[in-house]
Amino acid sequence: MKTEYIILKEARLTNNCPECYATDGMVLSFKQEKKISSLFIKTKKDTIENIHCNKCGSHIFPGQWTKDIERVYEYHKKTINTQPASIQFTGLFYLLSFLVLVIALGGYLYLYHPDLLGLA
């Protein structure tokens, strides 16, 4: 199963990084997980959010956030539009379902009504 992430929003922050104190390197991103297989495509409901500093290359965890970062995070969290959780079936799923149905119908006719198939 292949996992992709739908980027809902990326925002550049001008707050100070708690690690390197740079004011122009932090990026807040909101993503939604999407799993793709040969039978279906499933989008999850929950969002993944993270703050990353491009200057020092560190991931800023919520325990390191200042009150200013928390306020900016809450503001941007209100502005995102998440996609609803869904399952989308592929053509291969429908083809396999149809084949199973045809085989089951053929087995039923063979066992209980062989005269319809010209076997009796």
N, C-alpha and C. Protein backbone atom coordinates (compact mmCIF):
# COMPACT_ATOMS: atom_id res chain seq x y z
N MET A 1 0.83 -1.17 0.00
CA MET A 1 0.00 0.00 0.00
C MET A 1 0.87 1.24 0.00
N LYS A 2 0.57 2.14 -0.87
CA LYS A 2 1.34 3.37 -1.00
C LYS A 2 0.64 4.48 -0.20
N THR A 3 1.42 5.25 0.54
CA THR A 3 0.86 6.34 1.33
C THR A 3 1.28 7.67 0.74
N GLU A 4 0.29 8.51 0.49
CA GLU A 4 0.53 9.86 0.02
C GLU A 4 -0.06 10.82 1.04
N TYR A 5 0.41 12.04 1.00
CA TYR A 5 -0.12 13.06 1.89
C TYR A 5 -0.66 14.21 1.06
N ILE A 6 -1.90 14.58 1.33
CA ILE A 6 -2.53 15.72 0.68
C ILE A 6 -2.14 16.95 1.49
N ILE A 7 -1.48 17.91 0.87
CA ILE A 7 -1.08 19.12 1.59
C ILE A 7 -2.29 20.06 1.62
N LEU A 8 -2.81 20.26 2.82
CA LEU A 8 -3.96 21.14 2.98
C LEU A 8 -3.54 22.60 3.04
N LYS A 9 -2.42 22.85 3.74
CA LYS A 9 -1.94 24.22 3.87
C LYS A 9 -0.50 24.20 4.33
N GLU A 10 0.30 25.10 3.77
CA GLU A 10 1.66 25.35 4.25
C GLU A 10 1.80 26.84 4.46
N ALA A 11 2.26 27.21 5.65
CA ALA A 11 2.38 28.64 5.97
C ALA A 11 3.78 28.91 6.51
N ARG A 12 4.39 29.96 6.03
CA ARG A 12 5.69 30.40 6.54
C ARG A 12 5.44 31.23 7.79
N LEU A 13 6.16 30.90 8.86
CA LEU A 13 5.99 31.61 10.12
C LEU A 13 7.14 32.60 10.32
N THR A 14 6.84 33.72 10.92
CA THR A 14 7.88 34.71 11.22
C THR A 14 8.24 34.70 12.70
N ASN A 15 7.78 33.69 13.42
CA ASN A 15 8.13 33.56 14.84
C ASN A 15 9.56 33.09 14.98
N ASN A 16 10.13 33.28 16.16
CA ASN A 16 11.49 32.80 16.42
C ASN A 16 11.49 31.29 16.59
N CYS A 17 12.46 30.65 15.97
CA CYS A 17 12.63 29.21 16.13
C CYS A 17 13.18 28.95 17.53
N PRO A 18 12.61 28.00 18.29
CA PRO A 18 13.12 27.71 19.63
C PRO A 18 14.53 27.11 19.63
N GLU A 19 15.00 26.59 18.50
CA GLU A 19 16.32 25.97 18.43
C GLU A 19 17.41 26.96 18.01
N CYS A 20 17.18 27.66 16.89
CA CYS A 20 18.24 28.53 16.35
C CYS A 20 17.88 30.02 16.41
N TYR A 21 16.69 30.35 16.86
CA TYR A 21 16.20 31.73 17.02
C TYR A 21 16.11 32.51 15.70
N ALA A 22 16.07 31.83 14.58
CA ALA A 22 15.88 32.50 13.29
C ALA A 22 14.41 32.86 13.14
N THR A 23 14.14 33.96 12.45
CA THR A 23 12.75 34.40 12.29
C THR A 23 12.19 34.15 10.90
N ASP A 24 12.97 33.59 10.00
CA ASP A 24 12.47 33.44 8.63
C ASP A 24 12.54 32.02 8.09
N GLY A 25 12.66 31.03 8.95
CA GLY A 25 12.85 29.68 8.43
C GLY A 25 11.78 28.67 8.78
N MET A 26 10.81 29.03 9.63
CA MET A 26 9.85 28.02 10.09
C MET A 26 8.67 27.90 9.13
N VAL A 27 8.24 26.65 8.93
CA VAL A 27 7.11 26.35 8.05
C VAL A 27 6.14 25.47 8.82
N LEU A 28 4.88 25.89 8.86
CA LEU A 28 3.80 25.12 9.48
C LEU A 28 3.05 24.44 8.36
N SER A 29 2.87 23.12 8.46
CA SER A 29 2.16 22.41 7.39
C SER A 29 1.09 21.51 7.98
N PHE A 30 -0.03 21.44 7.28
CA PHE A 30 -1.14 20.57 7.62
C PHE A 30 -1.32 19.60 6.46
N LYS A 31 -1.33 18.30 6.78
CA LYS A 31 -1.44 17.27 5.74
C LYS A 31 -2.51 16.27 6.15
N GLN A 32 -3.07 15.61 5.14
CA GLN A 32 -4.05 14.56 5.36
C GLN A 32 -3.55 13.30 4.67
N GLU A 33 -3.65 12.17 5.35
CA GLU A 33 -3.10 10.92 4.84
C GLU A 33 -4.06 10.27 3.85
N LYS A 34 -3.48 9.74 2.77
CA LYS A 34 -4.23 9.07 1.72
C LYS A 34 -3.51 7.77 1.39
N LYS A 35 -4.18 6.63 1.57
CA LYS A 35 -3.58 5.33 1.28
C LYS A 35 -4.13 4.83 -0.05
N ILE A 36 -3.21 4.39 -0.91
CA ILE A 36 -3.59 3.94 -2.25
C ILE A 36 -3.15 2.49 -2.42
N SER A 37 -4.09 1.62 -2.78
CA SER A 37 -3.76 0.24 -3.11
C SER A 37 -4.38 -0.06 -4.47
N SER A 38 -4.22 -1.27 -4.93
CA SER A 38 -4.75 -1.61 -6.25
C SER A 38 -6.27 -1.79 -6.22
N LEU A 39 -6.86 -1.96 -5.03
CA LEU A 39 -8.30 -2.16 -4.94
C LEU A 39 -9.07 -0.92 -4.49
N PHE A 40 -8.44 -0.04 -3.70
CA PHE A 40 -9.17 1.12 -3.20
C PHE A 40 -8.22 2.27 -2.87
N ILE A 41 -8.81 3.45 -2.73
CA ILE A 41 -8.10 4.65 -2.29
C ILE A 41 -8.83 5.14 -1.05
N LYS A 42 -8.12 5.22 0.07
CA LYS A 42 -8.74 5.59 1.34
C LYS A 42 -8.12 6.88 1.86
N THR A 43 -8.98 7.86 2.14
CA THR A 43 -8.55 9.13 2.72
C THR A 43 -8.94 9.13 4.18
N LYS A 44 -7.99 9.41 5.06
CA LYS A 44 -8.28 9.43 6.50
C LYS A 44 -8.81 10.79 6.92
N LYS A 45 -9.53 10.81 8.03
CA LYS A 45 -10.17 12.03 8.51
C LYS A 45 -9.19 12.96 9.21
N ASP A 46 -8.31 12.42 10.02
CA ASP A 46 -7.45 13.26 10.86
C ASP A 46 -6.32 13.91 10.05
N THR A 47 -5.90 15.07 10.54
CA THR A 47 -4.83 15.81 9.89
C THR A 47 -3.53 15.65 10.66
N ILE A 48 -2.44 15.75 9.94
CA ILE A 48 -1.10 15.69 10.53
C ILE A 48 -0.52 17.09 10.41
N GLU A 49 -0.15 17.66 11.53
CA GLU A 49 0.42 19.00 11.49
C GLU A 49 1.82 18.96 12.07
N ASN A 50 2.71 19.75 11.50
CA ASN A 50 4.06 19.84 12.04
C ASN A 50 4.68 21.19 11.69
N ILE A 51 5.65 21.55 12.50
CA ILE A 51 6.41 22.78 12.27
C ILE A 51 7.86 22.37 12.08
N HIS A 52 8.45 22.84 10.99
CA HIS A 52 9.82 22.49 10.64
C HIS A 52 10.60 23.77 10.38
N CYS A 53 11.81 23.85 10.91
CA CYS A 53 12.67 25.02 10.67
C CYS A 53 13.63 24.68 9.53
N ASN A 54 13.59 25.47 8.48
CA ASN A 54 14.48 25.24 7.34
C ASN A 54 15.89 25.74 7.59
N LYS A 55 16.07 26.64 8.53
CA LYS A 55 17.42 27.16 8.84
C LYS A 55 18.27 26.11 9.54
N CYS A 56 17.75 25.57 10.65
CA CYS A 56 18.55 24.59 11.41
C CYS A 56 18.15 23.15 11.08
N GLY A 57 17.08 22.95 10.32
CA GLY A 57 16.68 21.61 9.91
C GLY A 57 16.01 20.80 11.00
N SER A 58 15.52 21.43 12.04
CA SER A 58 14.93 20.67 13.15
C SER A 58 13.41 20.69 13.07
N HIS A 59 12.83 19.64 13.61
CA HIS A 59 11.38 19.53 13.74
C HIS A 59 11.01 20.12 15.10
N ILE A 60 10.08 21.06 15.12
CA ILE A 60 9.70 21.73 16.36
C ILE A 60 8.49 21.00 16.94
N PHE A 61 8.67 20.33 18.07
CA PHE A 61 7.62 19.57 18.71
C PHE A 61 6.74 20.50 19.55
N PRO A 62 5.47 20.11 19.80
CA PRO A 62 4.56 20.98 20.55
C PRO A 62 5.06 21.37 21.94
N GLY A 63 5.89 20.59 22.57
CA GLY A 63 6.42 20.96 23.88
C GLY A 63 7.38 22.13 23.81
N GLN A 64 7.93 22.41 22.64
CA GLN A 64 8.88 23.50 22.45
C GLN A 64 8.21 24.79 21.98
N TRP A 65 6.92 24.75 21.69
CA TRP A 65 6.24 25.91 21.15
C TRP A 65 6.13 27.02 22.19
N THR A 66 6.28 28.24 21.73
CA THR A 66 6.02 29.39 22.60
C THR A 66 4.55 29.76 22.46
N LYS A 67 4.09 30.70 23.28
CA LYS A 67 2.69 31.11 23.20
C LYS A 67 2.37 31.76 21.86
N ASP A 68 3.35 32.47 21.29
CA ASP A 68 3.14 33.08 19.98
C ASP A 68 2.96 32.02 18.90
N ILE A 69 3.76 30.98 18.95
CA ILE A 69 3.64 29.89 17.97
C ILE A 69 2.30 29.20 18.14
N GLU A 70 1.86 28.99 19.38
CA GLU A 70 0.57 28.35 19.62
C GLU A 70 -0.58 29.18 19.06
N ARG A 71 -0.51 30.50 19.22
CA ARG A 71 -1.56 31.37 18.69
C ARG A 71 -1.61 31.31 17.16
N VAL A 72 -0.45 31.35 16.53
CA VAL A 72 -0.41 31.27 15.07
C VAL A 72 -0.90 29.90 14.60
N TYR A 73 -0.52 28.86 15.32
CA TYR A 73 -0.98 27.50 14.99
C TYR A 73 -2.50 27.41 15.07
N GLU A 74 -3.09 27.91 16.15
CA GLU A 74 -4.54 27.86 16.31
C GLU A 74 -5.25 28.64 15.20
N TYR A 75 -4.69 29.79 14.83
CA TYR A 75 -5.29 30.58 13.74
C TYR A 75 -5.28 29.80 12.43
N HIS A 76 -4.14 29.23 12.08
CA HIS A 76 -4.05 28.50 10.81
C HIS A 76 -4.86 27.21 10.84
N LYS A 77 -5.01 26.61 12.01
CA LYS A 77 -5.80 25.38 12.12
C LYS A 77 -7.27 25.66 11.81
N LYS A 78 -7.74 26.85 12.17
CA LYS A 78 -9.13 27.21 11.89
C LYS A 78 -9.37 27.46 10.41
N THR A 79 -8.35 27.80 9.66
CA THR A 79 -8.53 28.17 8.25
C THR A 79 -8.40 27.00 7.28
N ILE A 80 -8.02 25.82 7.74
CA ILE A 80 -7.86 24.70 6.80
C ILE A 80 -9.21 24.04 6.52
N ASN A 81 -9.35 23.51 5.33
CA ASN A 81 -10.54 22.75 4.93
C ASN A 81 -10.10 21.32 4.68
N THR A 82 -10.48 20.43 5.58
CA THR A 82 -10.10 19.03 5.42
C THR A 82 -11.06 18.34 4.46
N GLN A 83 -10.54 17.34 3.79
CA GLN A 83 -11.39 16.53 2.94
C GLN A 83 -12.06 15.47 3.81
N PRO A 84 -13.29 15.10 3.52
CA PRO A 84 -13.96 14.09 4.35
C PRO A 84 -13.30 12.72 4.18
N ALA A 85 -13.39 11.91 5.22
CA ALA A 85 -12.86 10.55 5.15
C ALA A 85 -13.69 9.77 4.13
N SER A 86 -13.00 9.04 3.26
CA SER A 86 -13.72 8.34 2.20
C SER A 86 -12.94 7.12 1.74
N ILE A 87 -13.68 6.21 1.12
CA ILE A 87 -13.08 5.06 0.44
C ILE A 87 -13.58 5.09 -0.99
N GLN A 88 -12.65 5.06 -1.92
CA GLN A 88 -12.98 5.09 -3.33
C GLN A 88 -12.45 3.80 -3.95
N PHE A 89 -13.34 2.99 -4.52
CA PHE A 89 -12.93 1.72 -5.10
C PHE A 89 -12.43 1.92 -6.53
N THR A 90 -11.47 1.08 -6.91
CA THR A 90 -10.88 1.17 -8.25
C THR A 90 -11.60 0.21 -9.20
N GLY A 91 -11.26 0.29 -10.47
CA GLY A 91 -11.85 -0.58 -11.47
C GLY A 91 -11.52 -2.05 -11.23
N LEU A 92 -10.33 -2.33 -10.73
CA LEU A 92 -9.94 -3.72 -10.44
C LEU A 92 -10.85 -4.33 -9.38
N PHE A 93 -11.23 -3.56 -8.37
CA PHE A 93 -12.14 -4.04 -7.33
C PHE A 93 -13.48 -4.45 -7.95
N TYR A 94 -14.03 -3.60 -8.81
CA TYR A 94 -15.31 -3.90 -9.43
C TYR A 94 -15.20 -5.10 -10.38
N LEU A 95 -14.09 -5.23 -11.08
CA LEU A 95 -13.89 -6.38 -11.97
C LEU A 95 -13.82 -7.68 -11.17
N LEU A 96 -13.06 -7.69 -10.09
CA LEU A 96 -12.96 -8.89 -9.26
C LEU A 96 -14.30 -9.23 -8.61
N SER A 97 -15.03 -8.23 -8.16
CA SER A 97 -16.35 -8.47 -7.57
C SER A 97 -17.30 -9.09 -8.60
N PHE A 98 -17.26 -8.59 -9.82
CA PHE A 98 -18.11 -9.13 -10.88
C PHE A 98 -17.73 -10.58 -11.19
N LEU A 99 -16.43 -10.87 -11.26
CA LEU A 99 -15.99 -12.24 -11.54
C LEU A 99 -16.41 -13.21 -10.43
N VAL A 100 -16.29 -12.81 -9.18
CA VAL A 100 -16.72 -13.66 -8.06
C VAL A 100 -18.22 -13.91 -8.14
N LEU A 101 -18.98 -12.88 -8.48
CA LEU A 101 -20.43 -13.03 -8.60
C LEU A 101 -20.78 -13.99 -9.73
N VAL A 102 -20.11 -13.89 -10.87
CA VAL A 102 -20.38 -14.78 -12.01
C VAL A 102 -20.01 -16.22 -11.65
N ILE A 103 -18.89 -16.43 -10.98
CA ILE A 103 -18.47 -17.78 -10.59
C ILE A 103 -19.45 -18.37 -9.57
N ALA A 104 -19.90 -17.57 -8.62
CA ALA A 104 -20.86 -18.05 -7.62
C ALA A 104 -22.19 -18.40 -8.29
N LEU A 105 -22.64 -17.58 -9.22
CA LEU A 105 -23.88 -17.86 -9.94
C LEU A 105 -23.74 -19.13 -10.78
N GLY A 106 -22.60 -19.29 -11.44
CA GLY A 106 -22.36 -20.51 -12.22
C GLY A 106 -22.33 -21.75 -11.34
N GLY A 107 -21.71 -21.66 -10.17
CA GLY A 107 -21.69 -22.80 -9.24
C GLY A 107 -23.07 -23.15 -8.73
N TYR A 108 -23.87 -22.14 -8.46
CA TYR A 108 -25.25 -22.39 -8.00
C TYR A 108 -26.05 -23.08 -9.08
N LEU A 109 -25.95 -22.57 -10.31
CA LEU A 109 -26.68 -23.19 -11.41
C LEU A 109 -26.19 -24.61 -11.68
N TYR A 110 -24.92 -24.86 -11.57
CA TYR A 110 -24.35 -26.19 -11.80
C TYR A 110 -24.84 -27.19 -10.76
N LEU A 111 -24.91 -26.76 -9.48
CA LEU A 111 -25.30 -27.67 -8.41
C LEU A 111 -26.81 -27.87 -8.31
N TYR A 112 -27.60 -26.82 -8.46
CA TYR A 112 -29.03 -26.91 -8.17
C TYR A 112 -29.92 -26.90 -9.41
N HIS A 113 -29.46 -26.41 -10.52
CA HIS A 113 -30.26 -26.37 -11.75
C HIS A 113 -29.39 -26.74 -12.95
N PRO A 114 -28.89 -27.99 -13.00
CA PRO A 114 -28.03 -28.37 -14.13
C PRO A 114 -28.79 -28.42 -15.46
N ASP A 115 -30.13 -28.54 -15.39
CA ASP A 115 -30.91 -28.57 -16.62
C ASP A 115 -30.86 -27.23 -17.36
N LEU A 116 -30.68 -26.13 -16.64
CA LEU A 116 -30.57 -24.83 -17.29
C LEU A 116 -29.27 -24.69 -18.07
N LEU A 117 -28.26 -25.43 -17.65
CA LEU A 117 -26.97 -25.39 -18.34
C LEU A 117 -26.87 -26.46 -19.43
N GLY A 118 -27.91 -27.30 -19.57
CA GLY A 118 -27.91 -28.35 -20.58
C GLY A 118 -27.11 -29.56 -20.15
N LEU A 119 -26.95 -29.78 -18.84
CA LEU A 119 -26.17 -30.91 -18.34
C LEU A 119 -27.05 -32.09 -17.94
N ALA A 120 -28.35 -31.93 -17.89
CA ALA A 120 -29.21 -33.02 -17.43
C ALA A 120 -29.88 -33.75 -18.56
